[in-house]
């Protein structure tokens, strides 16, 4: 899943959100340098990604993409799902998406010592361009995929994947709804288990 989903699946816990955001920028034993709750957020992020990557509904979406985009299909499907989460935000959260986005940036900014340098560089643009809120509109998703395409090591053509999204929007959205119910249950259960194992009663 992409940034908005990871923010939502932090379930309102600040240090979990921090870990959920920085997880891809933390390698190996580096995780041990972070506060325990941030470590749990990193572990949650990784569990969410593993669950998502192996889910048959996600693989169904990626089957639309693989013939043209190969192994980049995983990244593209993550961005697509953030679009559908943002588009249908009111189905999941009472707080307006714009306010949720600003709150997420504020929380991340209040943990400067926990943000890896590479993440801080990216976070500047995330905040400046308000990525989390921008995901709700086609232009925002196009901008996100344009950026990923520019940063890819090879000619990924991820910027062209929105053609698939618009052609199959209703079908992919239906898959998203079915998958996200499962993902939310998985993430909440996993977080509870992580917290209980970290601090058993």
Protein backbone atom coordinates (compact mmCIF):
# COMPACT_ATOMS: atom_id res chain seq x y z
CA UNK A 1 0.00 0.00 0.00
CA UNK A 2 1.02 3.61 -0.49
CA UNK A 3 1.37 6.47 2.02
CA UNK A 4 -2.28 7.36 2.56
CA UNK A 5 -3.27 3.78 3.32
CA UNK A 6 -0.36 3.39 5.73
CA UNK A 7 -1.39 6.59 7.48
CA UNK A 8 -5.00 5.41 7.80
CA UNK A 9 -3.88 1.96 9.00
CA UNK A 10 -1.91 3.53 11.85
CA UNK A 11 -5.26 3.82 13.65
CA UNK A 12 -4.61 7.23 15.20
CA UNK A 13 -1.42 6.23 17.05
CA UNK A 14 1.33 8.79 16.45
CA UNK A 15 4.47 6.67 16.84
CA UNK A 16 2.87 3.87 14.83
CA UNK A 17 2.26 6.40 12.05
CA UNK A 18 5.89 7.53 12.15
CA UNK A 19 7.13 3.95 11.84
CA UNK A 20 4.59 3.21 9.13
CA UNK A 21 5.91 6.12 7.05
CA UNK A 22 9.65 5.58 7.47
CA UNK A 23 9.68 1.78 7.17
CA UNK A 24 10.96 1.69 3.58
CA UNK A 25 13.87 3.93 4.60
CA UNK A 26 15.04 1.73 7.51
CA UNK A 27 17.32 -1.22 6.79
CA UNK A 28 18.05 -4.29 8.87
CA UNK A 29 19.20 -3.68 12.43
CA UNK A 30 18.73 0.08 12.00
CA UNK A 31 15.22 -0.52 13.33
CA UNK A 32 16.68 -1.16 16.79
CA UNK A 33 17.76 2.50 16.95
CA UNK A 34 14.15 3.69 17.12
CA UNK A 35 11.72 3.93 20.05
CA UNK A 36 9.76 0.72 20.61
CA UNK A 37 6.43 2.11 19.38
CA UNK A 38 8.08 3.40 16.19
CA UNK A 39 9.57 -0.08 15.72
CA UNK A 40 6.06 -1.52 15.96
CA UNK A 41 4.96 0.90 13.21
CA UNK A 42 7.82 -0.32 11.01
CA UNK A 43 6.84 -3.93 11.66
CA UNK A 44 3.20 -3.15 10.92
CA UNK A 45 4.15 -1.49 7.62
CA UNK A 46 6.11 -4.56 6.57
CA UNK A 47 3.29 -6.92 7.55
CA UNK A 48 0.81 -4.83 5.55
CA UNK A 49 3.07 -4.91 2.50
CA UNK A 50 3.59 -8.67 2.73
CA UNK A 51 -0.14 -9.28 3.12
CA UNK A 52 -0.95 -6.96 0.22
CA UNK A 53 1.64 -8.47 -2.12
CA UNK A 54 0.28 -11.99 -1.60
CA UNK A 55 -3.44 -11.21 -1.76
CA UNK A 56 -5.28 -12.68 -4.78
CA UNK A 57 -7.41 -9.54 -5.26
CA UNK A 58 -4.29 -7.40 -5.51
CA UNK A 59 -2.78 -9.88 -7.95
CA UNK A 60 -5.96 -9.51 -10.03
CA UNK A 61 -5.35 -5.76 -10.35
CA UNK A 62 -1.69 -6.34 -11.13
CA UNK A 63 -2.68 -8.76 -13.90
CA UNK A 64 -4.04 -5.75 -15.80
CA UNK A 65 -0.65 -4.07 -15.48
CA UNK A 66 2.01 -6.77 -15.73
CA UNK A 67 1.94 -7.20 -19.53
CA UNK A 68 3.02 -3.59 -19.99
CA UNK A 69 4.71 -2.58 -16.71
CA UNK A 70 6.25 -5.79 -15.41
CA UNK A 71 7.57 -5.71 -11.85
CA UNK A 72 6.56 -2.04 -11.52
CA UNK A 73 2.94 -3.25 -11.37
CA UNK A 74 3.22 -3.67 -7.59
CA UNK A 75 4.12 0.00 -7.11
CA UNK A 76 1.42 1.12 -9.53
CA UNK A 77 -1.33 -0.90 -7.83
CA UNK A 78 -0.34 0.64 -4.48
CA UNK A 79 -0.84 4.12 -5.93
CA UNK A 80 -4.15 3.11 -7.52
CA UNK A 81 -5.43 1.93 -4.13
CA UNK A 82 -4.49 5.24 -2.50
CA UNK A 83 -6.55 6.96 -5.18
CA UNK A 84 -9.60 4.86 -4.36
CA UNK A 85 -9.08 5.30 -0.61
CA UNK A 86 -8.86 9.09 -1.03
CA UNK A 87 -11.79 9.16 -3.46
CA UNK A 88 -13.98 7.24 -1.00
CA UNK A 89 -12.48 8.72 2.16
CA UNK A 90 -15.82 9.61 3.74
CA UNK A 91 -16.74 5.92 3.76
CA UNK A 92 -13.95 5.27 6.25
CA UNK A 93 -13.21 8.39 8.30
CA UNK A 94 -15.27 11.24 9.74
CA UNK A 95 -12.31 13.65 9.61
CA UNK A 96 -12.04 15.44 6.27
CA UNK A 97 -9.17 14.16 4.13
CA UNK A 98 -7.49 17.56 4.00
CA UNK A 99 -7.47 17.82 7.80
CA UNK A 100 -6.27 14.22 8.16
CA UNK A 101 -3.42 14.99 5.74
CA UNK A 102 -2.37 18.11 7.65
CA UNK A 103 -2.56 16.23 10.95
CA UNK A 104 -0.33 13.48 9.53
CA UNK A 105 2.29 16.01 8.39
CA UNK A 106 2.18 17.70 11.79
CA UNK A 107 2.75 14.41 13.60
CA UNK A 108 5.66 13.47 11.37
CA UNK A 109 7.20 16.93 11.79
CA UNK A 110 7.03 16.54 15.58
CA UNK A 111 9.38 13.51 15.44
CA UNK A 112 12.37 15.02 13.58
CA UNK A 113 14.96 12.72 15.17
CA UNK A 114 13.09 9.63 14.01
CA UNK A 115 12.97 10.67 10.34
CA UNK A 116 15.82 9.25 8.19
CA UNK A 117 17.56 11.78 5.99
CA UNK A 118 16.28 10.25 2.76
CA UNK A 119 12.73 10.32 4.10
CA UNK A 120 13.09 13.97 5.19
CA UNK A 121 14.06 14.97 1.65
CA UNK A 122 10.99 13.25 0.24
CA UNK A 123 8.77 14.49 3.08
CA UNK A 124 9.55 18.09 2.11
CA UNK A 125 7.86 17.51 -1.25
CA UNK A 126 5.07 15.42 0.24
CA UNK A 127 4.17 18.29 2.54
CA UNK A 128 4.73 21.08 0.02
CA UNK A 129 2.62 19.39 -2.66
CA UNK A 130 0.18 17.84 -0.15
CA UNK A 131 0.44 14.36 -1.64
CA UNK A 132 -1.99 12.69 0.76
CA UNK A 133 -4.78 15.08 -0.16
CA UNK A 134 -3.84 15.21 -3.85
CA UNK A 135 -4.39 11.46 -4.26
CA UNK A 136 -8.16 12.06 -4.41
CA UNK A 137 -8.02 13.60 -7.91
CA UNK A 138 -6.87 12.13 -11.23
CA UNK A 139 -4.32 14.94 -11.60
CA UNK A 140 -2.82 14.03 -8.22
CA UNK A 141 -2.46 10.36 -9.12
CA UNK A 142 -0.94 11.32 -12.46
CA UNK A 143 1.57 13.57 -10.68
CA UNK A 144 2.46 10.76 -8.26
CA UNK A 145 3.08 8.30 -11.08
CA UNK A 146 5.00 10.92 -13.08
CA UNK A 147 7.29 11.38 -10.08
CA UNK A 148 7.79 7.65 -9.60
CA UNK A 149 8.55 7.25 -13.28
CA UNK A 150 11.21 9.98 -13.15
CA UNK A 151 12.88 8.41 -10.10
CA UNK A 152 12.87 4.84 -11.45
CA UNK A 153 16.26 3.41 -12.43
CA UNK A 154 14.92 2.19 -15.75
CA UNK A 155 12.32 3.36 -18.27
CA UNK A 156 9.36 2.12 -16.23
CA UNK A 157 6.64 4.04 -18.11
CA UNK A 158 4.69 4.15 -14.83
CA UNK A 159 3.44 7.57 -15.88
CA UNK A 160 1.43 5.84 -18.63
CA UNK A 161 -0.34 3.44 -16.25
CA UNK A 162 -3.22 5.83 -15.59
CA UNK A 163 -4.54 4.78 -19.00
CA UNK A 164 -5.27 1.37 -17.44
CA UNK A 165 -6.81 3.02 -14.37
CA UNK A 166 -9.29 5.07 -16.38
CA UNK A 167 -10.14 2.19 -18.70
CA UNK A 168 -10.86 -0.17 -15.80
CA UNK A 169 -11.74 2.27 -13.02
CA UNK A 170 -15.05 0.68 -11.99
CA UNK A 171 -13.60 -2.83 -12.00
CA UNK A 172 -10.50 -1.86 -10.02
CA UNK A 173 -12.57 0.17 -7.56
CA UNK A 174 -14.78 -2.85 -6.85
CA UNK A 175 -11.66 -4.93 -6.22
CA UNK A 176 -10.32 -2.22 -3.91
CA UNK A 177 -13.49 -2.23 -1.79
CA UNK A 178 -13.38 -6.01 -1.43
CA UNK A 179 -9.68 -6.07 -0.61
CA UNK A 180 -9.61 -3.12 1.78
CA UNK A 181 -12.13 -4.75 4.14
CA UNK A 182 -9.71 -7.66 4.49
CA UNK A 183 -6.68 -5.41 4.81
CA UNK A 184 -8.19 -3.24 7.54
CA UNK A 185 -9.09 -6.32 9.61
CA UNK A 186 -5.61 -7.78 9.09
CA UNK A 187 -3.85 -4.53 10.02
CA UNK A 188 -5.89 -3.89 13.18
CA UNK A 189 -5.40 -7.50 14.36
CA UNK A 190 -1.69 -7.40 13.57
CA UNK A 191 -1.18 -4.11 15.40
CA UNK A 192 -3.00 -5.44 18.47
CA UNK A 193 -0.78 -8.55 18.45
CA UNK A 194 2.38 -6.45 18.08
CA UNK A 195 1.38 -4.23 21.01
CA UNK A 196 0.45 -7.20 23.20
CA UNK A 197 3.72 -9.00 22.41
CA UNK A 198 5.68 -5.84 23.14
CA UNK A 199 3.89 -5.06 26.41
CA UNK A 200 2.09 -8.21 27.64
CA UNK A 201 -0.46 -7.70 30.42
